[in-house]
Protein backbone atom coordinates (compact mmCIF):
# COMPACT_ATOMS: atom_id res chain seq x y z
CA MET A 1 17.91 -2.20 25.96
CA ASN A 2 20.78 -0.20 23.93
CA THR A 3 18.18 1.84 22.44
CA ALA A 4 16.21 2.95 26.11
CA TYR A 5 19.72 3.95 26.80
CA LEU A 6 20.22 6.34 24.44
CA LYS A 7 16.82 7.72 24.13
CA SER A 8 17.60 8.28 27.89
CA TYR A 9 20.94 9.97 27.73
CA TRP A 10 21.14 11.37 24.39
CA LYS A 11 21.72 14.94 25.67
CA GLU A 12 24.64 13.63 27.53
CA ILE A 13 25.79 12.06 24.40
CA VAL A 14 25.80 14.58 22.41
CA ALA A 15 27.31 16.61 24.85
CA GLY A 16 30.26 14.35 25.50
CA ILE A 17 30.67 14.24 21.80
CA ILE A 18 30.89 18.01 21.34
CA ILE A 19 33.43 18.21 24.62
CA VAL A 20 35.29 15.84 22.65
CA LEU A 21 35.37 17.43 19.17
CA TYR A 22 36.14 21.06 20.87
CA LEU A 23 38.92 19.44 22.56
CA ILE A 24 40.55 17.98 19.75
CA ALA A 25 40.31 21.39 17.44
CA ASN A 26 41.61 23.28 20.08
CA ALA A 27 44.47 21.05 21.42
CA HIS A 28 47.05 22.61 19.17
CA ASN A 29 46.25 25.93 20.40
CA ASP A 30 49.78 28.02 21.44
CA ASN A 31 48.56 29.56 24.34
CA ASP A 32 49.50 30.98 27.64
CA LEU A 33 49.72 27.42 28.89
CA ARG A 34 52.80 27.03 27.01
CA ILE A 35 54.24 30.38 28.99
CA PHE A 36 52.67 28.13 32.37
CA MET A 37 54.82 25.30 31.46
CA ALA A 38 57.99 26.72 30.11
CA ALA A 39 58.26 28.69 33.37
CA SER A 40 57.70 25.86 35.22
CA ARG A 41 60.60 23.96 33.29
CA ASP A 42 62.89 27.18 33.99
CA LEU A 43 62.02 26.68 37.56
CA ILE A 44 63.33 23.45 37.78
CA ASP A 45 66.47 24.44 35.74
CA GLY A 46 66.84 27.08 38.33
CA GLU A 47 65.96 30.47 36.27
CA SER A 48 64.66 33.50 36.50
CA ILE A 49 61.20 33.19 35.79
CA TYR A 50 59.92 36.65 36.59
CA LEU A 51 62.65 38.05 34.71
CA ILE A 52 62.40 36.04 31.32
CA LYS A 53 59.90 37.52 28.97
CA TYR A 54 58.56 34.08 26.99
CA LYS A 55 57.25 34.05 23.70
CA GLU A 56 59.39 37.60 23.57
CA TRP A 57 56.71 39.92 24.88
CA PHE A 58 55.41 38.03 27.95
CA HIS A 59 56.25 37.94 31.69
CA TYR A 60 55.50 35.05 34.01
CA TYR A 61 53.02 36.56 37.02
CA TYR A 62 51.66 33.36 38.63
CA SER A 63 53.07 32.38 41.99
CA VAL A 64 56.19 29.91 42.37
CA LEU A 65 53.71 27.09 43.99
CA PHE A 66 52.00 27.14 40.65
CA ALA A 67 54.89 27.11 38.64
CA LEU A 68 56.28 24.03 40.67
CA LEU A 69 52.66 22.12 40.29
CA MET A 70 53.01 22.21 36.60
CA TYR A 71 55.79 20.39 36.09
CA PRO A 72 54.29 16.81 35.83
CA LEU A 73 51.82 18.24 33.11
CA ALA A 74 55.21 20.73 31.82
CA LEU A 75 56.85 16.89 31.21
CA LEU A 76 53.83 15.78 28.54
CA PRO A 77 53.74 16.76 24.86
CA ASP A 78 52.23 20.33 24.29
CA TYR A 79 49.21 18.42 22.79
CA ILE A 80 48.45 16.07 25.77
CA ALA A 81 49.27 18.66 28.30
CA THR A 82 46.54 21.50 26.55
CA THR A 83 44.09 18.96 26.33
CA VAL A 84 44.28 17.58 30.06
CA TRP A 85 44.59 21.56 30.78
CA MET A 86 41.27 21.83 29.01
CA ALA A 87 39.41 18.88 30.02
CA ALA A 88 40.16 20.05 33.61
CA ASN A 89 38.64 23.56 33.51
CA MET A 90 35.78 21.97 31.85
CA TYR A 91 35.54 20.32 35.33
CA PHE A 92 35.87 22.80 37.15
CA ALA A 93 33.48 25.01 35.20
CA TRP A 94 30.39 22.86 35.41
CA ARG A 95 31.33 22.30 39.16
CA THR A 96 31.30 26.37 39.68
CA TRP A 97 28.18 25.93 38.16
CA LYS A 98 26.58 23.49 40.71
CA ILE A 99 28.38 25.43 43.35
CA ILE A 100 26.47 29.02 42.42
CA CYS A 101 23.00 26.69 41.91
CA SER A 102 23.57 25.64 45.40
CA PHE A 103 23.01 29.02 46.82
CA LEU A 104 20.03 29.55 44.88
CA PRO A 105 16.37 27.61 45.57
CA VAL A 106 16.40 26.51 41.75
CA GLU A 107 14.50 23.56 42.74
CA SER A 108 11.22 26.01 42.79
CA LEU A 109 11.91 26.08 38.84
CA ASP A 110 9.73 23.57 37.22
CA PRO A 111 12.03 21.47 34.61
CA LYS A 112 11.33 23.78 31.76
CA LEU A 113 12.02 26.94 33.81
CA LEU A 114 14.74 25.52 34.94
CA ARG A 115 16.39 24.62 31.12
CA LEU A 116 15.84 28.19 30.23
CA PHE A 117 17.51 29.81 33.28
CA SER A 118 20.60 27.33 32.54
CA PHE A 119 20.08 28.07 28.73
CA ILE A 120 20.29 31.55 29.49
CA VAL A 121 23.20 31.96 31.61
CA PHE A 122 25.24 29.43 28.97
CA VAL A 123 24.30 31.47 26.49
CA PHE A 124 25.85 34.39 28.52
CA MET A 125 29.11 33.27 29.80
CA LEU A 126 29.72 31.09 26.57
CA ARG A 127 32.62 33.81 25.21
CA PHE A 128 34.42 33.99 28.70
CA ILE A 129 34.37 30.09 29.29
CA THR A 130 35.72 29.55 25.15
CA ASP A 131 38.16 32.45 25.96
CA ASN A 132 39.42 30.89 28.81
CA LEU A 133 39.83 27.07 27.39
CA ARG A 134 41.06 28.63 24.40
CA TYR A 135 43.90 30.82 25.85
CA GLY A 136 45.14 28.78 28.18
CA GLN A 137 43.94 30.65 30.97
CA MET A 138 43.64 30.36 34.93
CA THR A 139 40.45 32.34 35.58
CA ILE A 140 37.97 29.07 35.65
CA PHE A 141 40.32 27.53 38.48
CA ILE A 142 40.73 30.84 40.25
CA LEU A 143 37.09 31.38 40.53
CA TYR A 144 36.33 27.80 41.33
CA LEU A 145 38.86 27.96 44.22
CA ALA A 146 37.05 30.94 45.44
CA LEU A 147 33.55 29.85 45.06
CA GLU A 148 33.98 26.07 46.64
CA GLY A 149 35.84 27.88 49.62
CA ILE A 150 33.08 30.06 50.47
CA ASN A 151 30.83 26.71 50.28
CA GLN A 152 32.95 24.84 52.17
CA ILE A 153 33.09 27.40 55.21
CA GLN A 154 29.36 27.94 54.64
CA ASN A 155 29.07 23.77 55.12
CA LYS A 156 31.67 24.55 58.23
CA ARG A 157 34.34 22.77 57.11
CA ASN A 158 36.68 25.99 57.78
CA VAL A 159 40.09 24.35 57.43
CA LEU A 160 39.09 23.26 53.88
CA GLY A 161 37.83 26.06 52.95
CA GLY A 162 39.98 28.42 54.33
CA SER A 163 42.98 26.30 52.77
CA LEU A 164 41.47 26.64 49.08
CA ILE A 165 40.47 30.51 49.19
CA ALA A 166 44.46 30.83 50.21
CA LEU A 167 45.36 28.65 47.22
CA SER A 168 43.57 30.76 45.19
CA ILE A 169 45.85 34.21 46.10
CA ASN A 170 48.50 32.56 46.34
CA ILE A 171 48.33 31.44 42.99
CA LYS A 172 46.73 34.92 41.55
CA LEU A 173 46.37 37.88 43.93
CA LEU A 174 42.67 38.65 42.79
CA PRO A 175 40.59 36.77 45.39
CA ILE A 176 42.34 38.27 48.47
CA VAL A 177 39.38 40.75 48.79
CA LEU A 178 37.54 37.63 50.08
CA LEU A 179 39.78 37.81 53.13
CA PRO A 180 38.37 41.38 54.55
CA TYR A 181 34.60 39.75 53.42
CA LEU A 182 35.58 36.71 55.67
CA LEU A 183 36.21 39.01 58.63
CA TYR A 184 33.28 41.40 57.87
CA ARG A 185 30.97 38.06 57.98
CA GLY A 186 32.40 36.97 61.48
CA GLN A 187 34.12 34.03 59.93
CA TYR A 188 36.88 34.38 62.05
CA LYS A 189 37.97 30.82 62.11
CA ALA A 190 38.34 30.50 58.36
CA THR A 191 40.08 33.54 57.71
CA ILE A 192 42.54 32.44 60.65
CA TYR A 193 43.05 29.21 58.64
CA ALA A 194 43.10 30.95 55.56
CA LEU A 195 46.21 33.23 56.48
CA ILE A 196 47.89 30.43 57.89
CA ALA A 197 47.76 28.38 55.19
CA PHE A 198 48.61 31.11 52.65
CA PHE A 199 51.70 31.74 54.00
CA VAL A 200 52.23 27.97 54.56
CA PHE A 201 51.70 28.34 50.91
CA LEU A 202 54.42 30.85 50.50
CA ILE A 203 57.50 28.85 51.81
CA LEU A 204 56.24 25.57 50.50
CA PRO A 205 58.35 25.88 47.67
CA GLY A 206 61.54 26.67 49.21
CA LEU A 207 61.43 22.75 50.60
CA PHE A 208 62.03 22.00 47.07
CA ILE A 209 64.11 24.44 45.33
CA GLY A 210 65.89 25.89 48.10
CA TYR A 211 64.83 29.17 49.94
CA ASP A 212 67.98 31.62 48.60
CA TYR A 213 66.96 30.83 45.31
CA HIS A 214 62.76 30.99 46.34
CA PHE A 215 62.97 34.12 48.21
CA ALA A 216 64.79 35.88 45.08
CA LEU A 217 61.99 34.65 42.79
CA LEU A 218 59.76 36.04 45.61
CA GLN A 219 61.22 39.60 45.26
CA ASP A 220 61.23 39.36 41.34
CA ARG A 221 57.50 38.67 41.75
CA TRP A 222 56.97 41.76 43.80
CA ASN A 223 58.91 43.76 41.57
CA LEU A 224 55.66 42.71 38.43
CA LEU A 225 53.44 43.37 40.85
CA ASN A 226 53.84 46.25 42.55
CA PRO A 227 50.66 48.47 42.09
CA SER A 228 52.88 51.72 42.23
CA ASN A 229 54.59 50.53 38.89
CA PRO A 230 53.75 53.19 35.96
CA GLU A 231 52.75 50.75 33.69
CA HIS A 232 49.98 49.74 36.30
CA LEU A 233 48.96 53.11 36.02
CA LEU A 234 49.12 54.22 32.37
CA ASP A 235 47.56 50.50 31.88
CA VAL A 236 46.90 50.40 28.13
CA SER A 237 50.56 48.20 27.11
CA GLU A 238 48.01 45.67 25.34
CA ARG A 239 44.58 47.16 23.52
CA SER A 240 42.41 44.62 24.97
CA PHE A 241 42.96 45.38 28.72
CA HIS A 242 39.90 46.05 30.70
CA SER A 243 39.76 48.06 33.84
CA ILE A 244 39.15 50.76 35.62
CA THR A 245 42.44 52.21 35.49
CA THR A 246 42.66 51.15 31.84
CA LEU A 247 39.27 53.20 30.88
CA LEU A 248 40.27 56.07 33.06
CA ALA A 249 43.39 56.17 31.31
CA THR A 250 41.77 56.41 28.06
CA LEU A 251 38.90 58.61 28.99
CA LEU A 252 41.37 61.30 30.89
CA LEU A 253 44.79 61.67 29.18
CA GLU A 254 44.88 62.32 25.31
CA ASN A 255 47.45 60.16 24.25
CA ALA A 256 46.70 57.11 26.79
CA GLY A 257 47.64 54.36 23.88
CA ASN A 258 50.74 52.17 22.47
CA VAL A 259 51.53 51.38 18.79
CA HIS A 260 48.17 49.20 18.19
CA SER A 261 46.00 51.99 19.22
CA MET A 262 43.32 52.93 16.99
CA ASP A 263 43.25 56.83 15.57
CA LEU A 264 40.07 57.50 17.29
CA LYS A 265 39.68 60.23 19.82
CA ARG A 266 38.25 58.68 22.89
CA ASN A 267 39.39 60.77 25.76
CA ILE A 268 37.22 63.67 27.27
CA MET A 269 39.83 65.14 29.38
CA ASN A 270 43.41 65.17 29.63
CA LEU A 271 45.04 65.03 33.19
CA SER A 272 48.28 65.15 34.35
CA ALA A 273 50.16 61.00 35.19
CA GLU A 274 49.50 62.19 39.07
CA HIS A 275 46.08 63.84 38.76
CA LEU A 276 45.14 60.20 36.56
CA GLY A 277 46.49 58.21 39.46
CA MET A 278 44.52 59.98 42.31
CA VAL A 279 41.41 59.44 40.05
CA ILE A 280 42.14 55.76 39.82
CA ASN A 281 42.75 55.74 43.52
CA ILE A 282 39.22 57.57 44.08
CA ALA A 283 36.90 55.01 41.76
CA ARG A 284 38.54 51.92 43.72
CA VAL A 285 37.59 53.05 46.99
CA ILE A 286 34.29 54.16 45.67
CA PHE A 287 33.87 50.25 44.07
CA ILE A 288 35.36 48.67 47.31
CA GLY A 289 33.28 50.85 49.93
CA ALA A 290 29.98 50.07 47.81
CA THR A 291 29.91 46.66 48.87
CA LEU A 292 28.43 47.97 51.59
CA TYR A 293 25.22 48.70 49.91
CA PHE A 294 25.29 44.78 48.86
CA LEU A 295 25.79 43.78 52.69
CA LYS A 296 22.43 42.82 54.40
CA ALA A 297 23.41 42.40 57.93
CA ALA A 298 25.48 44.24 60.47
CA PRO A 299 29.53 43.38 60.46
CA PHE A 300 30.75 40.83 62.29
CA LYS A 301 27.76 38.41 62.09
CA VAL A 302 27.61 35.28 60.13
CA GLU A 303 25.44 35.52 57.17
CA LYS A 304 22.79 32.52 56.64
CA ASP A 305 20.53 32.84 53.55
CA ARG A 306 22.79 31.57 51.32
CA VAL A 307 20.81 33.81 48.46
CA GLN A 308 22.62 36.73 50.23
CA VAL A 309 25.63 35.15 50.49
CA LEU A 310 25.64 34.61 46.72
CA TYR A 311 24.17 38.18 46.00
CA GLU A 312 27.30 39.89 48.23
CA LEU A 313 29.69 37.39 46.14
CA SER A 314 28.35 38.33 42.72
CA TYR A 315 29.61 41.93 43.73
CA ILE A 316 32.63 41.69 45.11
CA LEU A 317 33.47 39.08 42.24
CA LEU A 318 32.45 41.06 39.54
CA VAL A 319 34.65 44.26 40.83
CA ILE A 320 37.70 42.65 41.09
CA PRO A 321 38.70 42.87 37.55
CA LEU A 322 37.26 46.16 37.67
CA ILE A 323 39.76 47.08 40.77
CA PHE A 324 43.23 45.74 39.52
CA PRO A 325 45.36 46.61 36.53
CA HIS A 326 46.55 44.80 33.49
CA GLN A 327 42.71 42.60 33.28
CA GLN A 328 42.13 40.92 29.83
CA GLN A 329 38.33 40.04 28.98
CA TYR A 330 38.73 36.31 30.02
CA ALA A 331 39.10 38.00 33.65
CA PHE A 332 35.37 38.82 33.41
CA TYR A 333 34.35 35.32 33.94
CA PHE A 334 34.01 36.22 37.22
CA ALA A 335 30.92 38.06 36.41
CA PHE A 336 29.42 34.00 36.28
CA PRO A 337 27.94 34.70 39.59
CA ALA A 338 26.43 37.84 39.05
CA VAL A 339 24.93 36.82 35.78
CA THR A 340 23.36 33.68 37.40
CA TYR A 341 21.93 35.38 40.37
CA LEU A 342 20.36 38.21 37.93
CA VAL A 343 18.91 35.52 35.33
CA TYR A 344 17.17 33.51 37.96
CA TYR A 345 15.71 36.68 39.60
CA PHE A 346 14.49 37.49 36.10
CA VAL A 347 13.01 34.07 35.62
CA GLN A 348 11.23 34.10 38.69
CA SER A 349 9.74 37.27 38.15
CA PHE A 350 8.81 36.96 34.67
CA PHE A 351 7.21 33.65 34.48
CA ASN A 352 5.83 33.79 38.21
CA ASN A 353 3.62 37.01 36.97
CA GLU A 354 5.39 39.23 39.85
CA TRP A 355 5.79 42.31 37.81
CA LYS A 356 3.56 44.62 39.09
CA LYS A 357 5.07 47.86 36.82
CA PRO A 358 5.42 45.35 33.39
CA ALA A 359 7.14 48.16 31.57
CA LEU A 360 9.86 48.43 34.36
CA GLY A 361 10.04 44.93 34.56
CA TYR A 362 11.04 44.49 30.47
CA GLY A 363 13.20 47.69 30.91
CA VAL A 364 15.40 45.57 33.44
CA MET A 365 15.63 43.05 31.49
CA ALA A 366 16.55 44.87 28.25
CA LEU A 367 19.52 47.03 30.01
CA PHE A 368 20.81 42.97 30.95
CA PHE A 369 20.35 42.30 27.18
CA MET A 370 22.26 45.28 26.53
CA GLY A 371 25.37 44.15 29.00
CA TYR A 372 25.38 40.68 27.46
CA LEU A 373 25.78 42.67 23.93
CA LEU A 374 28.74 44.62 25.20
CA MET A 375 30.54 42.09 27.11
CA SER A 376 29.99 39.61 24.56
CA SER A 377 30.50 42.15 21.64
CA THR A 378 33.95 40.20 20.23
CA PHE A 379 32.28 37.09 20.35
CA ILE A 380 28.77 37.84 18.48
CA LEU A 381 30.45 40.37 15.76
CA GLY A 382 34.72 39.82 16.11
CA GLU A 383 35.79 41.74 13.18
CA PHE A 384 34.76 45.24 14.73
CA ARG A 385 36.97 43.98 17.86
CA SER A 386 39.47 46.90 17.47
CA TYR A 387 36.77 49.45 18.03
CA TYR A 388 34.96 47.75 20.88
CA ASP A 389 38.61 47.31 22.57
CA HIS A 390 39.37 50.69 21.82
CA TYR A 391 36.36 52.16 23.36
CA LYS A 392 36.73 49.71 26.59
CA VAL A 393 32.92 48.91 25.84
CA LEU A 394 33.00 45.88 27.71
CA THR A 395 33.80 47.92 30.52
CA TYR A 396 30.40 49.63 30.32
CA GLY A 397 28.74 46.63 30.34
CA VAL A 398 30.20 45.42 33.57
CA PHE A 399 28.68 48.59 35.01
CA ILE A 400 25.32 47.63 33.37
CA LEU A 401 25.64 44.49 35.61
CA ILE A 402 26.16 46.10 38.85
CA GLY A 403 23.82 48.80 38.47
CA LEU A 404 20.97 45.82 38.17
CA LEU A 405 22.40 43.89 41.14
CA ALA A 406 22.29 46.90 43.02
CA TYR A 407 18.68 47.01 41.82
CA CYS A 408 17.46 43.23 42.12
CA ARG A 409 17.86 42.72 45.72
CA PRO A 410 17.29 39.56 47.48
CA GLN A 411 14.50 40.85 49.09
CA GLY A 412 12.59 41.07 45.99
CA LEU A 413 12.88 37.51 45.19
CA GLU A 414 10.60 37.43 48.97
CA LYS A 415 8.48 40.57 48.64
CA ARG A 416 8.44 42.64 45.34
CA THR A 417 8.71 46.20 45.19
CA TYR A 418 7.89 46.69 41.39
């Protein structure tokens, strides 16, 4: 009986052993989770958590509510807290995978193709998952909240879905772009519930810490996040930043760097700071406006095709780290839906012999592989990390994914155009 059980579940057992060993090996990491917990303890002590620089250099940027919710974890020893945090994020990554797959007809894949599909997605996303775990980041949880919220709204649970999206926005502002998307998709009830929940989450901490202190903290946080701040324009205070603001600053300013920048030319022009700001905002408008290309239906109509919904979300979530400043490489975990959609598209097309122009099909997949190399360069060959970060190669990999998304429209899964 025991032997039969081991034979039936050997993959799950091996995966469990690997996860436990990973948790043990990384539980002592001195990462950003320590900042979250320190800010939580300082919040309870009545400190100005947005004015303090933790570890001498770093601000706490997340919400007051999140700092308050972190307090039980902050009371634990660092080793245990880190283990709990990583284990929870592993669950949220797995749950995110299940949600994304629920938008795709994966049941159409035979078992071998399903394993291949899962393996390719896992390999592509591995560096972003491990980066978020190792650095104690929030991105896995934020993406889970956003996608779970959309999933619940699609299942007509508007209160729950809107509240989950509101919580993600409260913790970190990046998913705020989902609100205009919900409006465009005619999800009026969900949008209203999300707005109500957002304001509830915004004022809720005041019940526990006092409203005078709470409103002072909200002002301090806004002062940090204000997009008009000069540091959000010349977004190069850390070499590992990747976004439109960072890329354009390095390309359009001669001395866009800091003490950690390499002495290698990368700019193609030398604009003034004022003109750079104009170019950055124009680029943002272009990426935001391009969303209309990915939206099939007319505005203010509910989209019932779940593949189309995933396609739309894939683009929207992929460009979030591009249009917001101060984004590290792990923020591009938001590429998870786009990568999954594209891999499913390629597997379906290739193994069902539906490439009417095989050379074009191979070219598309070669571009996808190039995108992987650019986005995972520091993971594959990390000794050249400084060069990758200096020239912002990850950002170019994201551009490739955007181009592939634009080309591989959902209609192609039903009627091939190759």
